[in-house]
Amino acid sequence: MFRDAPAADSRRQLLKGEARAAQDDALRLELQQRRVGLGDIDAEGCRQRRGRRRADEREALDLAEAYGDRDAALEVAEAVHAWTRDLLVSRSGGSPQLRELAGRVREVSERVPPHRLLGQAALCAEVIEALHQNGNGRLQLERLLLGTRELRHV
């Protein structure tokens, strides 16, 4: 009887080990299948985002070149700042200053997180300040437009 006890324990441990190994193999296989699926999705998504980003950057750079004069850049920066202010006002429940765009302002402000809006407002203020201090209009406008990429295509 005592001799069979260690053998029975050994068999039980062996069966548990085999069961654990089978579970591990099944889990590894499932993870591998998920990774392959996610890899396909991620690769395609990255390609699409990269293509959009290049187009966005080209548009921003073209606009900055067209309005690169310091005074024109200042007007653009102030217009973006006013838009951002209206988004923040709308987000907090107020009425935007540009009432003819109230519907679009409300729609965009609901989709853009407040921390991004605050970041955009801070960037606008920095660019406006730099332009008042004789900063290069084109470079400041590029900085503003590329920095606000998320809001331009919401």
N, C-alpha and C. Protein backbone atom coordinates (compact mmCIF):
# COMPACT_ATOMS: atom_id res chain seq x y z
N MET A 1 0.82 -1.19 0.00
CA MET A 1 0.00 0.00 0.00
C MET A 1 0.86 1.25 0.00
N PHE A 2 1.94 1.27 0.79
CA PHE A 2 2.79 2.45 0.83
C PHE A 2 3.58 2.63 -0.46
N ARG A 3 3.86 1.50 -1.11
CA ARG A 3 4.62 1.62 -2.35
C ARG A 3 3.77 2.22 -3.47
N ASP A 4 2.48 1.99 -3.46
CA ASP A 4 1.60 2.50 -4.51
C ASP A 4 1.32 4.00 -4.34
N ALA A 5 1.41 4.52 -3.12
CA ALA A 5 1.11 5.94 -2.86
C ALA A 5 2.05 6.85 -3.64
N PRO A 6 3.38 6.66 -3.58
CA PRO A 6 4.25 7.55 -4.37
C PRO A 6 3.99 7.40 -5.87
N ALA A 7 3.69 6.24 -6.33
CA ALA A 7 3.42 6.04 -7.75
C ALA A 7 2.13 6.75 -8.15
N ALA A 8 1.11 6.70 -7.29
CA ALA A 8 -0.15 7.38 -7.57
C ALA A 8 0.05 8.89 -7.58
N ASP A 9 0.84 9.39 -6.61
CA ASP A 9 1.14 10.83 -6.58
C ASP A 9 1.90 11.25 -7.84
N SER A 10 2.85 10.42 -8.23
CA SER A 10 3.63 10.72 -9.43
C SER A 10 2.73 10.76 -10.67
N ARG A 11 1.79 9.78 -10.74
CA ARG A 11 0.87 9.75 -11.88
C ARG A 11 -0.02 10.99 -11.90
N ARG A 12 -0.51 11.38 -10.71
CA ARG A 12 -1.36 12.56 -10.60
C ARG A 12 -0.60 13.82 -11.03
N GLN A 13 0.63 13.94 -10.57
CA GLN A 13 1.45 15.10 -10.93
C GLN A 13 1.75 15.10 -12.43
N LEU A 14 2.01 13.91 -12.98
CA LEU A 14 2.27 13.80 -14.41
C LEU A 14 1.05 14.22 -15.22
N LEU A 15 -0.15 13.76 -14.78
CA LEU A 15 -1.38 14.12 -15.48
C LEU A 15 -1.64 15.63 -15.37
N LYS A 16 -1.41 16.18 -14.18
CA LYS A 16 -1.58 17.63 -14.00
C LYS A 16 -0.61 18.39 -14.90
N GLY A 17 0.61 17.92 -14.95
CA GLY A 17 1.62 18.57 -15.80
C GLY A 17 1.23 18.53 -17.27
N GLU A 18 0.72 17.36 -17.71
CA GLU A 18 0.30 17.23 -19.10
C GLU A 18 -0.90 18.13 -19.40
N ALA A 19 -1.83 18.19 -18.45
CA ALA A 19 -3.00 19.05 -18.63
C ALA A 19 -2.57 20.52 -18.71
N ARG A 20 -1.65 20.92 -17.81
CA ARG A 20 -1.14 22.28 -17.82
C ARG A 20 -0.41 22.58 -19.13
N ALA A 21 0.37 21.64 -19.61
CA ALA A 21 1.09 21.82 -20.87
C ALA A 21 0.12 21.95 -22.04
N ALA A 22 -0.96 21.16 -22.02
CA ALA A 22 -1.96 21.24 -23.08
C ALA A 22 -2.66 22.60 -23.05
N GLN A 23 -2.97 23.08 -21.84
CA GLN A 23 -3.59 24.40 -21.70
C GLN A 23 -2.64 25.49 -22.20
N ASP A 24 -1.36 25.37 -21.82
CA ASP A 24 -0.36 26.34 -22.27
C ASP A 24 -0.25 26.35 -23.78
N ASP A 25 -0.24 25.15 -24.39
CA ASP A 25 -0.15 25.06 -25.85
C ASP A 25 -1.37 25.70 -26.51
N ALA A 26 -2.56 25.41 -25.96
CA ALA A 26 -3.79 25.98 -26.52
C ALA A 26 -3.77 27.51 -26.39
N LEU A 27 -3.31 28.00 -25.25
CA LEU A 27 -3.23 29.44 -25.02
C LEU A 27 -2.22 30.08 -25.98
N ARG A 28 -1.06 29.45 -26.15
CA ARG A 28 -0.05 29.96 -27.08
C ARG A 28 -0.61 30.03 -28.50
N LEU A 29 -1.31 28.96 -28.91
CA LEU A 29 -1.89 28.93 -30.25
C LEU A 29 -2.92 30.05 -30.42
N GLU A 30 -3.77 30.24 -29.43
CA GLU A 30 -4.78 31.30 -29.50
C GLU A 30 -4.11 32.68 -29.56
N LEU A 31 -3.11 32.90 -28.74
CA LEU A 31 -2.40 34.18 -28.76
C LEU A 31 -1.71 34.42 -30.10
N GLN A 32 -1.13 33.36 -30.65
CA GLN A 32 -0.47 33.48 -31.94
C GLN A 32 -1.47 33.85 -33.03
N GLN A 33 -2.64 33.21 -33.01
CA GLN A 33 -3.67 33.52 -34.00
C GLN A 33 -4.15 34.96 -33.85
N ARG A 34 -4.31 35.42 -32.62
CA ARG A 34 -4.74 36.80 -32.39
C ARG A 34 -3.67 37.78 -32.86
N ARG A 35 -2.41 37.46 -32.58
CA ARG A 35 -1.32 38.34 -33.00
C ARG A 35 -1.27 38.47 -34.51
N VAL A 36 -1.46 37.37 -35.21
CA VAL A 36 -1.44 37.43 -36.67
C VAL A 36 -2.57 38.32 -37.15
N GLY A 37 -3.76 38.18 -36.61
CA GLY A 37 -4.90 39.02 -36.99
C GLY A 37 -4.65 40.48 -36.66
N LEU A 38 -4.14 40.75 -35.47
CA LEU A 38 -3.86 42.12 -35.07
C LEU A 38 -2.75 42.71 -35.91
N GLY A 39 -1.77 41.90 -36.25
CA GLY A 39 -0.68 42.39 -37.09
C GLY A 39 -1.18 42.87 -38.43
N ASP A 40 -2.11 42.12 -39.02
CA ASP A 40 -2.67 42.54 -40.31
C ASP A 40 -3.44 43.84 -40.17
N ILE A 41 -4.24 43.94 -39.12
CA ILE A 41 -5.03 45.15 -38.90
C ILE A 41 -4.12 46.33 -38.62
N ASP A 42 -3.15 46.15 -37.73
CA ASP A 42 -2.25 47.24 -37.37
C ASP A 42 -1.44 47.71 -38.56
N ALA A 43 -0.95 46.79 -39.37
CA ALA A 43 -0.14 47.18 -40.52
C ALA A 43 -0.97 48.02 -41.50
N GLU A 44 -2.18 47.58 -41.78
CA GLU A 44 -3.04 48.32 -42.71
C GLU A 44 -3.41 49.68 -42.10
N GLY A 45 -3.76 49.70 -40.83
CA GLY A 45 -4.11 50.96 -40.17
C GLY A 45 -2.95 51.94 -40.17
N CYS A 46 -1.75 51.44 -39.93
CA CYS A 46 -0.56 52.30 -39.94
C CYS A 46 -0.33 52.88 -41.33
N ARG A 47 -0.50 52.06 -42.37
CA ARG A 47 -0.31 52.56 -43.73
C ARG A 47 -1.33 53.66 -44.04
N GLN A 48 -2.57 53.45 -43.63
CA GLN A 48 -3.60 54.46 -43.89
C GLN A 48 -3.32 55.75 -43.13
N ARG A 49 -2.96 55.62 -41.83
CA ARG A 49 -2.66 56.81 -41.03
C ARG A 49 -1.45 57.55 -41.58
N ARG A 50 -0.42 56.81 -42.01
CA ARG A 50 0.78 57.42 -42.55
C ARG A 50 0.44 58.22 -43.82
N GLY A 51 -0.40 57.66 -44.67
CA GLY A 51 -0.80 58.35 -45.89
C GLY A 51 -1.58 59.62 -45.60
N ARG A 52 -2.51 59.55 -44.65
CA ARG A 52 -3.27 60.74 -44.26
C ARG A 52 -2.37 61.79 -43.65
N ARG A 53 -1.42 61.34 -42.80
CA ARG A 53 -0.53 62.28 -42.12
C ARG A 53 0.31 63.03 -43.14
N ARG A 54 0.82 62.34 -44.17
CA ARG A 54 1.62 63.01 -45.19
C ARG A 54 0.79 64.06 -45.93
N ALA A 55 -0.45 63.71 -46.27
CA ALA A 55 -1.33 64.66 -46.94
C ALA A 55 -1.62 65.85 -46.04
N ASP A 56 -1.89 65.59 -44.75
CA ASP A 56 -2.14 66.65 -43.79
C ASP A 56 -0.94 67.59 -43.69
N GLU A 57 0.24 67.01 -43.61
CA GLU A 57 1.45 67.81 -43.48
C GLU A 57 1.67 68.66 -44.73
N ARG A 58 1.44 68.07 -45.89
CA ARG A 58 1.63 68.83 -47.14
C ARG A 58 0.67 70.00 -47.18
N GLU A 59 -0.59 69.79 -46.82
CA GLU A 59 -1.58 70.87 -46.80
C GLU A 59 -1.16 71.97 -45.83
N ALA A 60 -0.70 71.57 -44.65
CA ALA A 60 -0.28 72.55 -43.64
C ALA A 60 0.92 73.34 -44.13
N LEU A 61 1.88 72.67 -44.74
CA LEU A 61 3.08 73.35 -45.23
C LEU A 61 2.73 74.30 -46.38
N ASP A 62 1.82 73.88 -47.25
CA ASP A 62 1.39 74.74 -48.36
C ASP A 62 0.69 76.00 -47.83
N LEU A 63 -0.17 75.83 -46.83
CA LEU A 63 -0.86 76.97 -46.24
C LEU A 63 0.13 77.90 -45.56
N ALA A 64 1.08 77.34 -44.85
CA ALA A 64 2.10 78.15 -44.17
C ALA A 64 2.92 78.93 -45.19
N GLU A 65 3.19 78.31 -46.33
CA GLU A 65 3.96 79.01 -47.37
C GLU A 65 3.13 80.14 -47.97
N ALA A 66 1.85 79.89 -48.20
CA ALA A 66 0.98 80.90 -48.80
C ALA A 66 0.77 82.09 -47.87
N TYR A 67 0.70 81.84 -46.57
CA TYR A 67 0.46 82.90 -45.59
C TYR A 67 1.68 83.11 -44.70
N GLY A 68 2.86 82.97 -45.26
CA GLY A 68 4.10 83.03 -44.49
C GLY A 68 4.51 84.42 -44.05
N ASP A 69 3.93 85.45 -44.64
CA ASP A 69 4.21 86.81 -44.19
C ASP A 69 3.76 86.94 -42.73
N ARG A 70 4.55 87.64 -41.93
CA ARG A 70 4.28 87.71 -40.49
C ARG A 70 2.85 88.20 -40.19
N ASP A 71 2.40 89.25 -40.87
CA ASP A 71 1.05 89.79 -40.61
C ASP A 71 -0.04 88.79 -41.00
N ALA A 72 0.12 88.14 -42.14
CA ALA A 72 -0.85 87.13 -42.57
C ALA A 72 -0.84 85.93 -41.62
N ALA A 73 0.35 85.52 -41.20
CA ALA A 73 0.47 84.40 -40.26
C ALA A 73 -0.20 84.74 -38.93
N LEU A 74 -0.06 85.99 -38.51
CA LEU A 74 -0.69 86.42 -37.27
C LEU A 74 -2.22 86.36 -37.39
N GLU A 75 -2.75 86.77 -38.53
CA GLU A 75 -4.20 86.68 -38.74
C GLU A 75 -4.68 85.23 -38.70
N VAL A 76 -3.94 84.34 -39.33
CA VAL A 76 -4.31 82.92 -39.32
C VAL A 76 -4.25 82.38 -37.90
N ALA A 77 -3.19 82.69 -37.18
CA ALA A 77 -3.03 82.21 -35.81
C ALA A 77 -4.15 82.73 -34.91
N GLU A 78 -4.53 83.99 -35.10
CA GLU A 78 -5.62 84.56 -34.30
C GLU A 78 -6.96 83.92 -34.67
N ALA A 79 -7.14 83.57 -35.94
CA ALA A 79 -8.38 82.89 -36.36
C ALA A 79 -8.45 81.49 -35.75
N VAL A 80 -7.33 80.77 -35.75
CA VAL A 80 -7.30 79.44 -35.12
C VAL A 80 -7.53 79.57 -33.62
N HIS A 81 -6.98 80.62 -33.03
CA HIS A 81 -7.18 80.84 -31.59
C HIS A 81 -8.66 81.12 -31.28
N ALA A 82 -9.31 81.94 -32.12
CA ALA A 82 -10.74 82.23 -31.92
C ALA A 82 -11.57 80.95 -32.07
N TRP A 83 -11.25 80.11 -33.05
CA TRP A 83 -11.95 78.84 -33.24
C TRP A 83 -11.77 77.95 -32.02
N THR A 84 -10.56 77.88 -31.52
CA THR A 84 -10.27 77.05 -30.36
C THR A 84 -11.02 77.57 -29.13
N ARG A 85 -11.06 78.90 -28.98
CA ARG A 85 -11.80 79.49 -27.87
C ARG A 85 -13.28 79.12 -27.96
N ASP A 86 -13.84 79.20 -29.17
CA ASP A 86 -15.25 78.83 -29.35
C ASP A 86 -15.49 77.35 -29.03
N LEU A 87 -14.54 76.50 -29.40
CA LEU A 87 -14.67 75.08 -29.05
C LEU A 87 -14.69 74.89 -27.54
N LEU A 88 -13.80 75.58 -26.85
CA LEU A 88 -13.76 75.47 -25.38
C LEU A 88 -15.03 76.02 -24.74
N VAL A 89 -15.51 77.15 -25.25
CA VAL A 89 -16.75 77.74 -24.72
C VAL A 89 -17.92 76.80 -24.94
N SER A 90 -18.01 76.22 -26.13
CA SER A 90 -19.09 75.29 -26.44
C SER A 90 -18.99 74.04 -25.57
N ARG A 91 -17.77 73.57 -25.37
CA ARG A 91 -17.56 72.37 -24.54
C ARG A 91 -18.04 72.59 -23.12
N SER A 92 -17.91 73.83 -22.64
CA SER A 92 -18.33 74.13 -21.27
C SER A 92 -19.79 74.54 -21.17
N GLY A 93 -20.52 74.50 -22.32
CA GLY A 93 -21.96 74.78 -22.30
C GLY A 93 -22.34 76.17 -22.74
N GLY A 94 -21.39 77.01 -23.11
CA GLY A 94 -21.68 78.37 -23.54
C GLY A 94 -21.96 78.45 -25.03
N SER A 95 -22.25 79.69 -25.47
CA SER A 95 -22.50 79.94 -26.90
C SER A 95 -21.24 80.48 -27.55
N PRO A 96 -20.88 79.94 -28.70
CA PRO A 96 -19.67 80.41 -29.37
C PRO A 96 -19.85 81.83 -29.92
N GLN A 97 -18.74 82.52 -30.10
CA GLN A 97 -18.76 83.87 -30.63
C GLN A 97 -19.17 83.86 -32.10
N LEU A 98 -18.71 82.87 -32.84
CA LEU A 98 -19.08 82.74 -34.25
C LEU A 98 -20.38 81.94 -34.35
N ARG A 99 -21.50 82.61 -34.19
CA ARG A 99 -22.80 81.93 -34.11
C ARG A 99 -23.17 81.18 -35.38
N GLU A 100 -22.71 81.66 -36.54
CA GLU A 100 -23.05 80.99 -37.80
C GLU A 100 -22.40 79.61 -37.89
N LEU A 101 -21.37 79.36 -37.07
CA LEU A 101 -20.72 78.05 -37.04
C LEU A 101 -21.06 77.26 -35.79
N ALA A 102 -22.10 77.66 -35.09
CA ALA A 102 -22.44 77.05 -33.80
C ALA A 102 -22.65 75.54 -33.90
N GLY A 103 -23.31 75.08 -34.95
CA GLY A 103 -23.55 73.64 -35.10
C GLY A 103 -22.26 72.86 -35.26
N ARG A 104 -21.39 73.34 -36.12
CA ARG A 104 -20.09 72.67 -36.34
C ARG A 104 -19.22 72.75 -35.09
N VAL A 105 -19.26 73.91 -34.42
CA VAL A 105 -18.48 74.07 -33.19
C VAL A 105 -18.92 73.06 -32.15
N ARG A 106 -20.21 72.92 -31.97
CA ARG A 106 -20.75 71.97 -30.99
C ARG A 106 -20.35 70.54 -31.35
N GLU A 107 -20.47 70.20 -32.63
CA GLU A 107 -20.13 68.85 -33.09
C GLU A 107 -18.65 68.52 -32.83
N VAL A 108 -17.77 69.43 -33.19
CA VAL A 108 -16.33 69.19 -33.01
C VAL A 108 -15.97 69.19 -31.54
N SER A 109 -16.53 70.11 -30.77
CA SER A 109 -16.16 70.21 -29.35
C SER A 109 -16.58 68.98 -28.56
N GLU A 110 -17.63 68.29 -29.01
CA GLU A 110 -18.05 67.07 -28.32
C GLU A 110 -17.11 65.90 -28.61
N ARG A 111 -16.44 65.93 -29.76
CA ARG A 111 -15.56 64.83 -30.14
C ARG A 111 -14.11 65.01 -29.69
N VAL A 112 -13.69 66.24 -29.46
CA VAL A 112 -12.30 66.50 -29.09
C VAL A 112 -12.19 66.60 -27.58
N PRO A 113 -11.30 65.82 -26.96
CA PRO A 113 -11.14 65.87 -25.51
C PRO A 113 -10.70 67.26 -25.03
N PRO A 114 -11.15 67.68 -23.88
CA PRO A 114 -10.80 69.01 -23.36
C PRO A 114 -9.30 69.26 -23.25
N HIS A 115 -8.53 68.23 -22.88
CA HIS A 115 -7.09 68.46 -22.74
C HIS A 115 -6.44 68.79 -24.08
N ARG A 116 -6.96 68.27 -25.18
CA ARG A 116 -6.43 68.63 -26.50
C ARG A 116 -6.79 70.06 -26.85
N LEU A 117 -8.02 70.45 -26.51
CA LEU A 117 -8.43 71.83 -26.77
C LEU A 117 -7.58 72.81 -25.98
N LEU A 118 -7.31 72.49 -24.74
CA LEU A 118 -6.47 73.37 -23.92
C LEU A 118 -5.04 73.41 -24.46
N GLY A 119 -4.54 72.28 -24.93
CA GLY A 119 -3.22 72.26 -25.55
C GLY A 119 -3.18 73.10 -26.80
N GLN A 120 -4.25 73.03 -27.60
CA GLN A 120 -4.32 73.85 -28.82
C GLN A 120 -4.36 75.32 -28.46
N ALA A 121 -5.12 75.69 -27.44
CA ALA A 121 -5.20 77.09 -27.03
C ALA A 121 -3.83 77.60 -26.58
N ALA A 122 -3.11 76.77 -25.83
CA ALA A 122 -1.77 77.16 -25.37
C ALA A 122 -0.82 77.32 -26.55
N LEU A 123 -0.89 76.41 -27.52
CA LEU A 123 -0.03 76.50 -28.70
C LEU A 123 -0.36 77.77 -29.50
N CYS A 124 -1.63 78.08 -29.65
CA CYS A 124 -2.03 79.31 -30.35
C CYS A 124 -1.44 80.54 -29.66
N ALA A 125 -1.56 80.58 -28.34
CA ALA A 125 -1.03 81.71 -27.58
C ALA A 125 0.49 81.84 -27.76
N GLU A 126 1.19 80.70 -27.75
CA GLU A 126 2.65 80.73 -27.93
C GLU A 126 3.01 81.26 -29.32
N VAL A 127 2.31 80.80 -30.34
CA VAL A 127 2.60 81.22 -31.71
C VAL A 127 2.29 82.71 -31.88
N ILE A 128 1.17 83.16 -31.34
CA ILE A 128 0.80 84.58 -31.44
C ILE A 128 1.86 85.43 -30.74
N GLU A 129 2.29 85.01 -29.57
CA GLU A 129 3.34 85.74 -28.84
C GLU A 129 4.64 85.78 -29.65
N ALA A 130 5.02 84.67 -30.25
CA ALA A 130 6.24 84.62 -31.06
C ALA A 130 6.13 85.55 -32.27
N LEU A 131 4.95 85.60 -32.88
CA LEU A 131 4.76 86.48 -34.04
C LEU A 131 4.81 87.95 -33.62
N HIS A 132 4.29 88.27 -32.45
CA HIS A 132 4.37 89.64 -31.94
C HIS A 132 5.83 90.03 -31.65
N GLN A 133 6.66 89.05 -31.37
CA GLN A 133 8.07 89.31 -31.07
C GLN A 133 8.94 89.12 -32.31
N ASN A 134 8.35 89.34 -33.48
CA ASN A 134 9.06 89.26 -34.76
C ASN A 134 9.54 87.86 -35.12
N GLY A 135 8.79 86.83 -34.73
CA GLY A 135 9.12 85.47 -35.14
C GLY A 135 8.85 85.28 -36.62
N ASN A 136 9.49 84.31 -37.23
CA ASN A 136 9.30 84.00 -38.63
C ASN A 136 7.87 83.50 -38.85
N GLY A 137 7.11 84.23 -39.68
CA GLY A 137 5.70 83.91 -39.89
C GLY A 137 5.48 82.50 -40.42
N ARG A 138 6.25 82.13 -41.42
CA ARG A 138 6.06 80.81 -42.02
C ARG A 138 6.37 79.70 -41.02
N LEU A 139 7.48 79.82 -40.32
CA LEU A 139 7.85 78.77 -39.36
C LEU A 139 6.84 78.67 -38.22
N GLN A 140 6.37 79.80 -37.74
CA GLN A 140 5.39 79.77 -36.65
C GLN A 140 4.07 79.18 -37.11
N LEU A 141 3.70 79.50 -38.34
CA LEU A 141 2.45 78.95 -38.88
C LEU A 141 2.57 77.45 -39.10
N GLU A 142 3.72 76.99 -39.57
CA GLU A 142 3.96 75.55 -39.70
C GLU A 142 3.85 74.88 -38.34
N ARG A 143 4.47 75.49 -37.36
CA ARG A 143 4.43 74.95 -35.98
C ARG A 143 2.98 74.82 -35.50
N LEU A 144 2.18 75.86 -35.74
CA LEU A 144 0.79 75.85 -35.30
C LEU A 144 -0.02 74.80 -36.04
N LEU A 145 0.09 74.79 -37.36
CA LEU A 145 -0.75 73.89 -38.15
C LEU A 145 -0.38 72.42 -37.98
N LEU A 146 0.91 72.15 -37.90
CA LEU A 146 1.32 70.76 -37.68
C LEU A 146 1.00 70.32 -36.26
N GLY A 147 1.05 71.26 -35.32
CA GLY A 147 0.74 70.93 -33.93
C GLY A 147 -0.73 70.70 -33.68
N THR A 148 -1.57 71.19 -34.55
CA THR A 148 -3.02 71.04 -34.36
C THR A 148 -3.64 70.06 -35.35
N ARG A 149 -2.83 69.16 -35.86
CA ARG A 149 -3.28 68.18 -36.86
C ARG A 149 -4.55 67.44 -36.42
N GLU A 150 -4.63 67.07 -35.16
CA GLU A 150 -5.78 66.30 -34.68
C GLU A 150 -7.08 67.05 -34.85
N LEU A 151 -7.04 68.36 -34.66
CA LEU A 151 -8.28 69.14 -34.73
C LEU A 151 -8.69 69.47 -36.16
N ARG A 152 -7.76 69.49 -37.08
CA ARG A 152 -8.10 69.85 -38.46
C ARG A 152 -8.94 68.79 -39.14
N HIS A 153 -8.85 67.55 -38.73
CA HIS A 153 -9.59 66.48 -39.42
C HIS A 153 -10.42 65.67 -38.45
N VAL A 154 -11.15 66.34 -37.61
CA VAL A 154 -11.98 65.64 -36.64
C VAL A 154 -13.29 65.30 -37.28
